[in-house]
Amino acid sequence: VFSQADASTTRKYGGSGLGLSISRHFARMMGGDIVASSTPNEGSVFTIVLPRIVALPAVNSAPITEILPIRPTDSPNAGALGTILVIDDDPAVHDLIRRSMGRAGYRVITASNGSEGLAMARAEHPHFITLDIMMPGIDGWSVLTTLKAEPELKDIPVFILTMTHEKSLGYALGAAQFLTKPVNRDALLDLLKQYAPHPKNCHVLIIDDDANNRDLLKRVFEPEGTRVSEATDGQSGLDWLNANPPPDLVILDLMMPTMDGFTFLDALGQNSRFDALPVVVLTAKTLTETDRERLQTRALHIIERQGQSEEAIIARLQAQICASDLSKNDSPAKQ
């Protein structure tokens, strides 16, 4: 890292040395370097050395790690909040994030080196990326630079997981945030929630007989620009759908008078007009295997209230509102 000899706030000359650090990083990406020599009271000379021929690494030289299916220990809602690509050469990090974030509602895919990570990012277009810096072959800085240079990948939030302290360089290259190892589950969840896409100009139909539940969701969603309509049971929900253009999402309770959520889903499945309508089941009912099998044919995702805070439930619902990019490749009730 380059720095001025006079580091005081009243120094005569500006500059932090960050530009030189970035330039040195680019030079090293090409197999070269920048070196400095200084003479007190005279000045400094910076020399850039580059090879005559630059051999670019083949990003597809390594096989892509298998995208692991959701394991039985993972949440049945894994994938509801989006896909996380973990680029790290440490299998223990892969396993930790896959288990903890899978239970929280994320789909996790992994890559063991930079080349593999870039190939997987291009193939999968994940919603978030966690990136180690110290890896064999292409290091994390080079991966970050490449990600931010590609139009289809540059907007993906990249969280640096590392023990390095070069945060200024990381932010300058486009990193969203830093997390130190070992990975703290709650800190990573906070970042994922912070960088989740916010719904805009969307319309949600809430079908629930509990007015308090409906009011809570309205207070959360409407300030974000989401339009909310309400129905108090399955029959009134069907009546609303038959009388109005389809909303972007239906949030459905199961235990209701007149017509419960199961019967509502059965009726919905009989009308081809609603084949593409995403339905998220939000229930306090303890679901049996028979219940799950019945829901699999129509519900996009299932969120069970038991054992979850209201904050966690709301975060899952927020990720679903108008998140067509999260579900366009999902079949109904993907578990």
Protein backbone atom coordinates (compact mmCIF):
# COMPACT_ATOMS: atom_id res chain seq x y z
CA VAL A 1 0.00 0.00 0.00
CA PHE A 2 1.32 3.44 -0.94
CA SER A 3 1.02 6.32 1.52
CA GLN A 4 2.43 9.80 1.93
CA ALA A 5 5.27 10.39 4.35
CA ASP A 6 3.24 13.29 5.78
CA ALA A 7 0.00 11.65 6.86
CA SER A 8 -1.35 14.64 8.82
CA THR A 9 -4.59 16.42 7.96
CA THR A 10 -2.67 19.63 7.28
CA ARG A 11 -0.26 18.16 4.75
CA LYS A 12 0.67 20.26 1.74
CA TYR A 13 -0.19 17.72 -0.96
CA GLY A 14 -3.45 15.80 -1.44
CA GLY A 15 -4.01 12.17 -2.28
CA SER A 16 -4.34 9.01 -0.24
CA GLY A 17 -2.31 6.64 -2.40
CA LEU A 18 -5.43 4.65 -3.29
CA GLY A 19 -5.09 5.44 -7.00
CA LEU A 20 -1.59 4.00 -6.96
CA SER A 21 -2.82 0.87 -5.18
CA ILE A 22 -5.50 0.34 -7.83
CA SER A 23 -2.98 0.94 -10.62
CA ARG A 24 -0.62 -1.56 -9.05
CA HIS A 25 -3.44 -4.10 -8.85
CA PHE A 26 -4.19 -3.68 -12.56
CA ALA A 27 -0.50 -4.00 -13.41
CA ARG A 28 -0.25 -7.22 -11.41
CA MET A 29 -3.34 -8.59 -13.17
CA MET A 30 -1.31 -8.34 -16.39
CA GLY A 31 1.73 -10.01 -14.87
CA GLY A 32 3.57 -6.78 -14.13
CA ASP A 33 4.02 -4.46 -11.18
CA ILE A 34 4.51 -0.87 -10.03
CA VAL A 35 7.49 -0.15 -7.81
CA ALA A 36 8.48 3.04 -6.03
CA SER A 37 11.75 4.55 -4.89
CA SER A 38 11.91 7.68 -2.75
CA THR A 39 14.62 10.10 -1.69
CA PRO A 40 13.86 12.27 1.36
CA ASN A 41 13.38 15.96 0.53
CA GLU A 42 13.66 15.23 -3.20
CA GLY A 43 10.70 13.09 -4.30
CA SER A 44 9.60 9.67 -5.50
CA VAL A 45 9.91 7.74 -8.75
CA PHE A 46 7.21 5.23 -9.69
CA THR A 47 8.06 2.65 -12.33
CA ILE A 48 5.52 0.44 -14.08
CA VAL A 49 6.81 -2.84 -15.47
CA LEU A 50 4.63 -4.82 -17.89
CA PRO A 51 5.33 -7.98 -19.90
CA ARG A 52 5.46 -7.61 -23.67
CA ILE A 53 2.88 -10.39 -24.05
CA VAL A 54 0.01 -10.71 -21.57
CA ALA A 55 -1.36 -14.23 -21.15
CA LEU A 56 -4.98 -13.94 -20.06
CA PRO A 57 -6.24 -16.74 -17.79
CA ALA A 58 -8.82 -19.06 -19.29
CA VAL A 59 -11.88 -18.48 -17.14
CA ASN A 60 -13.43 -21.79 -18.17
CA SER A 61 -10.33 -23.86 -17.53
CA ALA A 62 -11.71 -25.26 -14.28
CA PRO A 63 -14.85 -27.38 -14.16
CA ILE A 64 -17.85 -25.72 -12.60
CA THR A 65 -18.64 -27.05 -9.15
CA GLU A 66 -21.89 -28.96 -9.09
CA ILE A 67 -24.79 -26.81 -7.97
CA LEU A 68 -25.82 -28.66 -4.85
CA PRO A 69 -29.48 -29.54 -4.43
CA ILE A 70 -31.29 -28.43 -1.31
CA ARG A 71 -30.51 -30.93 1.41
CA PRO A 72 -33.09 -32.35 3.81
CA THR A 73 -31.63 -30.22 6.64
CA ASP A 74 -32.29 -27.02 4.65
CA SER A 75 -35.43 -24.94 4.95
CA PRO A 76 -38.28 -25.95 2.64
CA ASN A 77 -38.25 -22.27 1.61
CA ALA A 78 -34.59 -22.33 0.50
CA GLY A 79 -34.37 -20.21 -2.62
CA ALA A 80 -37.31 -17.97 -1.72
CA LEU A 81 -35.03 -15.01 -1.06
CA GLY A 82 -32.73 -15.47 -4.04
CA THR A 83 -29.46 -17.15 -4.97
CA ILE A 84 -26.09 -16.58 -3.30
CA LEU A 85 -22.90 -17.50 -5.16
CA VAL A 86 -20.04 -18.30 -2.74
CA ILE A 87 -16.58 -17.96 -4.34
CA ASP A 88 -14.06 -19.35 -1.87
CA ASP A 89 -11.37 -22.03 -1.88
CA ASP A 90 -12.31 -23.16 1.65
CA PRO A 91 -14.91 -25.99 1.65
CA ALA A 92 -15.75 -25.16 5.27
CA VAL A 93 -16.97 -21.71 4.18
CA HIS A 94 -19.10 -23.33 1.47
CA ASP A 95 -20.72 -25.65 3.99
CA LEU A 96 -21.28 -22.97 6.64
CA ILE A 97 -22.99 -20.52 4.27
CA ARG A 98 -24.96 -23.24 2.51
CA ARG A 99 -26.39 -24.54 5.78
CA SER A 100 -27.06 -21.23 7.51
CA MET A 101 -28.35 -19.29 4.51
CA GLY A 102 -30.31 -22.27 3.18
CA ARG A 103 -32.27 -22.38 6.42
CA ALA A 104 -32.85 -18.63 6.15
CA GLY A 105 -34.46 -19.00 2.73
CA TYR A 106 -31.61 -18.59 0.22
CA ARG A 107 -30.38 -20.92 -2.51
CA VAL A 108 -26.59 -21.29 -2.25
CA ILE A 109 -24.24 -22.32 -5.05
CA THR A 110 -20.47 -22.56 -4.66
CA ALA A 111 -17.25 -22.15 -6.63
CA SER A 112 -13.76 -23.08 -5.41
CA ASN A 113 -11.66 -20.59 -7.39
CA GLY A 114 -11.88 -17.35 -9.34
CA SER A 115 -12.19 -18.88 -12.80
CA GLU A 116 -14.97 -21.18 -11.68
CA GLY A 117 -16.70 -18.32 -9.88
CA LEU A 118 -16.75 -16.10 -12.97
CA ALA A 119 -18.10 -18.92 -15.12
CA MET A 120 -20.83 -19.66 -12.60
CA ALA A 121 -21.76 -15.98 -12.23
CA ARG A 122 -22.24 -15.75 -16.00
CA ALA A 123 -24.29 -18.93 -16.11
CA GLU A 124 -26.43 -18.42 -13.00
CA HIS A 125 -26.76 -14.61 -12.61
CA PRO A 126 -27.03 -14.88 -8.80
CA HIS A 127 -28.64 -12.16 -6.70
CA PHE A 128 -25.67 -11.91 -4.30
CA ILE A 129 -21.99 -12.94 -4.36
CA THR A 130 -19.66 -13.59 -1.44
CA LEU A 131 -16.02 -13.45 -2.48
CA ASP A 132 -12.78 -14.52 -0.85
CA ILE A 133 -9.65 -12.55 -1.74
CA MET A 134 -6.81 -14.98 -1.07
CA MET A 135 -7.38 -17.78 -3.60
CA PRO A 136 -5.03 -19.72 -5.89
CA GLY A 137 -5.00 -18.72 -9.55
CA ILE A 138 -7.17 -15.67 -10.11
CA ASP A 139 -7.40 -13.78 -6.81
CA GLY A 140 -10.51 -12.10 -5.46
CA TRP A 141 -9.50 -8.60 -6.56
CA SER A 142 -9.25 -9.79 -10.16
CA VAL A 143 -12.62 -11.54 -9.91
CA LEU A 144 -14.21 -8.38 -8.49
CA THR A 145 -12.71 -6.23 -11.25
CA THR A 146 -14.04 -8.60 -13.92
CA LEU A 147 -17.51 -8.76 -12.37
CA LYS A 148 -17.81 -4.99 -12.28
CA ALA A 149 -16.60 -4.69 -15.88
CA GLU A 150 -19.36 -6.90 -17.32
CA PRO A 151 -22.70 -5.12 -17.89
CA GLU A 152 -24.83 -8.14 -16.97
CA LEU A 153 -22.97 -8.74 -13.69
CA LYS A 154 -21.87 -5.30 -12.51
CA ASP A 155 -24.99 -4.60 -10.43
CA ILE A 156 -24.78 -7.80 -8.36
CA PRO A 157 -23.84 -6.91 -4.74
CA VAL A 158 -20.46 -8.47 -3.89
CA PHE A 159 -19.59 -9.03 -0.23
CA ILE A 160 -15.90 -9.56 0.48
CA LEU A 161 -15.24 -12.32 3.03
CA THR A 162 -11.62 -12.08 4.03
CA MET A 163 -9.08 -11.39 6.74
CA THR A 164 -7.39 -8.69 4.65
CA HIS A 165 -7.66 -5.04 5.67
CA GLU A 166 -7.48 -3.47 2.19
CA LYS A 167 -11.03 -2.14 2.36
CA SER A 168 -10.28 1.07 0.46
CA LEU A 169 -9.13 -0.91 -2.56
CA GLY A 170 -12.18 -3.17 -2.37
CA TYR A 171 -14.64 -0.29 -2.25
CA ALA A 172 -12.85 1.45 -5.11
CA LEU A 173 -13.17 -1.70 -7.22
CA GLY A 174 -16.90 -1.96 -6.51
CA ALA A 175 -17.34 -4.18 -3.44
CA ALA A 176 -20.64 -3.66 -1.62
CA GLN A 177 -19.43 -4.52 1.89
CA PHE A 178 -16.75 -6.39 3.83
CA LEU A 179 -17.17 -9.23 6.33
CA THR A 180 -14.27 -10.68 8.26
CA LYS A 181 -13.74 -14.40 8.65
CA PRO A 182 -15.04 -16.49 10.30
CA VAL A 183 -18.38 -15.57 8.74
CA ASN A 184 -20.95 -14.22 11.18
CA ARG A 185 -24.39 -15.52 10.20
CA ASP A 186 -26.37 -12.56 11.54
CA ALA A 187 -24.05 -9.99 9.96
CA LEU A 188 -24.37 -11.67 6.56
CA LEU A 189 -28.16 -11.87 6.89
CA ASP A 190 -28.28 -8.16 7.68
CA LEU A 191 -26.30 -7.38 4.52
CA LEU A 192 -28.48 -9.61 2.37
CA LYS A 193 -31.59 -7.86 3.66
CA GLN A 194 -29.99 -4.43 3.18
CA TYR A 195 -29.07 -5.13 -0.45
CA ALA A 196 -32.23 -7.01 -1.42
CA PRO A 197 -34.15 -5.38 -4.30
CA HIS A 198 -37.02 -3.21 -3.13
CA PRO A 199 -40.44 -3.62 -4.69
CA LYS A 200 -41.80 -0.75 -6.78
CA ASN A 201 -45.25 -0.16 -8.25
CA CYS A 202 -46.41 -3.66 -7.38
CA HIS A 203 -49.80 -5.00 -6.39
CA VAL A 204 -50.33 -7.64 -3.70
CA LEU A 205 -53.55 -9.39 -2.67
CA ILE A 206 -53.56 -10.50 0.98
CA ILE A 207 -56.10 -13.22 1.81
CA ASP A 208 -56.32 -13.62 5.58
CA ASP A 209 -59.21 -13.57 8.07
CA ASP A 210 -57.01 -11.91 10.72
CA ALA A 211 -57.32 -8.12 10.37
CA ASN A 212 -54.20 -7.58 12.49
CA ASN A 213 -52.10 -9.64 10.08
CA ARG A 214 -53.43 -7.73 7.09
CA ASP A 215 -52.85 -4.36 8.75
CA LEU A 216 -49.27 -5.28 9.69
CA LEU A 217 -48.40 -6.25 6.13
CA LYS A 218 -50.06 -3.12 4.74
CA ARG A 219 -48.03 -0.90 7.07
CA VAL A 220 -44.84 -2.57 5.86
CA PHE A 221 -45.54 -2.76 2.12
CA GLU A 222 -47.43 0.42 1.29
CA PRO A 223 -44.63 2.88 2.27
CA GLU A 224 -42.38 1.00 -0.18
CA GLY A 225 -44.75 1.73 -3.06
CA THR A 226 -46.61 -1.58 -3.04
CA ARG A 227 -50.38 -1.42 -3.58
CA VAL A 228 -52.23 -3.78 -1.23
CA SER A 229 -55.71 -5.28 -1.68
CA GLU A 230 -57.42 -7.44 0.93
CA ALA A 231 -59.78 -10.39 1.21
CA THR A 232 -61.01 -12.03 4.41
CA ASP A 233 -61.32 -15.65 3.23
CA GLY A 234 -60.77 -17.87 0.22
CA GLN A 235 -64.17 -17.21 -1.34
CA SER A 236 -63.85 -13.43 -1.15
CA GLY A 237 -60.33 -13.82 -2.54
CA LEU A 238 -61.68 -15.71 -5.56
CA ASP A 239 -64.42 -13.11 -6.01
CA TRP A 240 -61.82 -10.34 -5.96
CA LEU A 241 -59.64 -12.12 -8.54
CA ASN A 242 -62.57 -12.72 -10.86
CA ALA A 243 -63.52 -9.04 -10.72
CA ASN A 244 -60.06 -7.46 -11.06
CA PRO A 245 -56.84 -7.76 -13.08
CA PRO A 246 -54.48 -10.32 -11.50
CA PRO A 247 -52.11 -8.88 -8.87
CA ASP A 248 -48.36 -9.46 -8.91
CA LEU A 249 -48.54 -11.73 -5.86
CA VAL A 250 -51.07 -13.39 -3.55
CA ILE A 251 -50.21 -13.87 0.13
CA LEU A 252 -52.49 -16.62 1.43
CA ASP A 253 -53.43 -17.83 4.90
CA LEU A 254 -54.60 -21.44 5.18
CA MET A 255 -56.97 -21.56 8.16
CA MET A 256 -59.97 -19.34 7.33
CA PRO A 257 -63.78 -19.59 7.60
CA THR A 258 -66.09 -20.06 4.60
CA MET A 259 -63.26 -21.22 2.32
CA ASP A 260 -59.81 -22.18 3.62
CA GLY A 261 -56.53 -21.72 1.77
CA PHE A 262 -56.36 -25.32 0.55
CA THR A 263 -59.76 -25.06 -1.14
CA PHE A 264 -58.82 -21.67 -2.56
CA LEU A 265 -55.73 -23.15 -4.22
CA ASP A 266 -57.76 -26.03 -5.62
CA ALA A 267 -60.24 -23.57 -7.14
CA LEU A 268 -57.43 -21.39 -8.46
CA GLY A 269 -55.93 -24.37 -10.26
CA GLN A 270 -59.14 -24.91 -12.19
CA ASN A 271 -58.91 -21.52 -13.91
CA SER A 272 -56.14 -21.24 -16.54
CA ARG A 273 -56.28 -17.45 -16.21
CA PHE A 274 -54.38 -17.81 -12.95
CA ASP A 275 -51.77 -20.36 -14.04
CA ALA A 276 -48.95 -17.79 -13.81
CA LEU A 277 -50.19 -16.11 -10.62
CA PRO A 278 -47.60 -16.57 -7.84
CA VAL A 279 -49.03 -17.53 -4.45
CA VAL A 280 -47.04 -17.47 -1.21
CA VAL A 281 -48.61 -19.38 1.67
CA LEU A 282 -48.13 -17.69 5.06
CA THR A 283 -49.51 -19.84 7.86
CA ALA A 284 -49.38 -20.50 11.59
CA LYS A 285 -50.57 -24.06 11.00
CA THR A 286 -48.18 -26.92 11.70
CA LEU A 287 -48.04 -28.55 8.29
CA THR A 288 -48.14 -32.32 7.87
CA GLU A 289 -46.56 -34.15 4.96
CA THR A 290 -50.05 -34.52 3.49
CA ASP A 291 -50.53 -30.75 3.74
CA ARG A 292 -47.23 -30.13 1.95
CA GLU A 293 -48.07 -32.56 -0.83
CA ARG A 294 -51.39 -30.81 -1.33
CA LEU A 295 -49.73 -27.38 -1.48
CA GLN A 296 -46.94 -28.44 -3.83
CA THR A 297 -49.14 -28.35 -6.90
CA ARG A 298 -49.95 -24.65 -6.64
CA ALA A 299 -48.09 -22.63 -3.98
CA LEU A 300 -44.86 -20.99 -5.11
CA HIS A 301 -43.41 -20.80 -1.59
CA ILE A 302 -44.52 -21.75 1.92
CA ILE A 303 -43.66 -19.61 4.94
CA GLU A 304 -44.48 -21.04 8.36
CA ARG A 305 -44.88 -18.56 11.21
CA GLN A 306 -43.88 -20.96 13.97
CA GLY A 307 -40.34 -20.42 15.21
CA GLN A 308 -39.81 -17.24 13.18
CA SER A 309 -39.83 -13.60 14.21
CA GLU A 310 -42.15 -11.14 12.49
CA GLU A 311 -39.04 -9.41 11.12
CA ALA A 312 -37.81 -12.62 9.48
CA ILE A 313 -41.24 -13.34 8.02
CA ILE A 314 -41.54 -9.83 6.59
CA ALA A 315 -38.06 -10.06 5.08
CA ARG A 316 -39.08 -13.24 3.24
CA LEU A 317 -42.27 -11.66 1.97
CA GLN A 318 -40.46 -8.51 0.84
CA ALA A 319 -38.15 -10.62 -1.26
CA GLN A 320 -41.15 -12.18 -3.02
CA ILE A 321 -43.06 -9.02 -3.90
CA CYS A 322 -42.69 -8.42 -7.62
CA ALA A 323 -39.50 -10.48 -7.56
CA SER A 324 -40.22 -12.15 -10.88
CA ASP A 325 -36.49 -12.53 -11.41
CA LEU A 326 -36.37 -14.77 -8.33
CA SER A 327 -39.14 -17.07 -9.48
CA LYS A 328 -39.12 -17.04 -13.28
CA ASN A 329 -37.15 -20.30 -13.36
CA ASP A 330 -39.03 -21.89 -10.44
CA SER A 331 -41.84 -24.35 -10.73
CA PRO A 332 -44.71 -24.02 -8.25
CA ALA A 333 -43.89 -25.02 -4.67
CA LYS A 334 -40.21 -25.60 -5.36
CA GLN A 335 -39.00 -26.88 -2.01
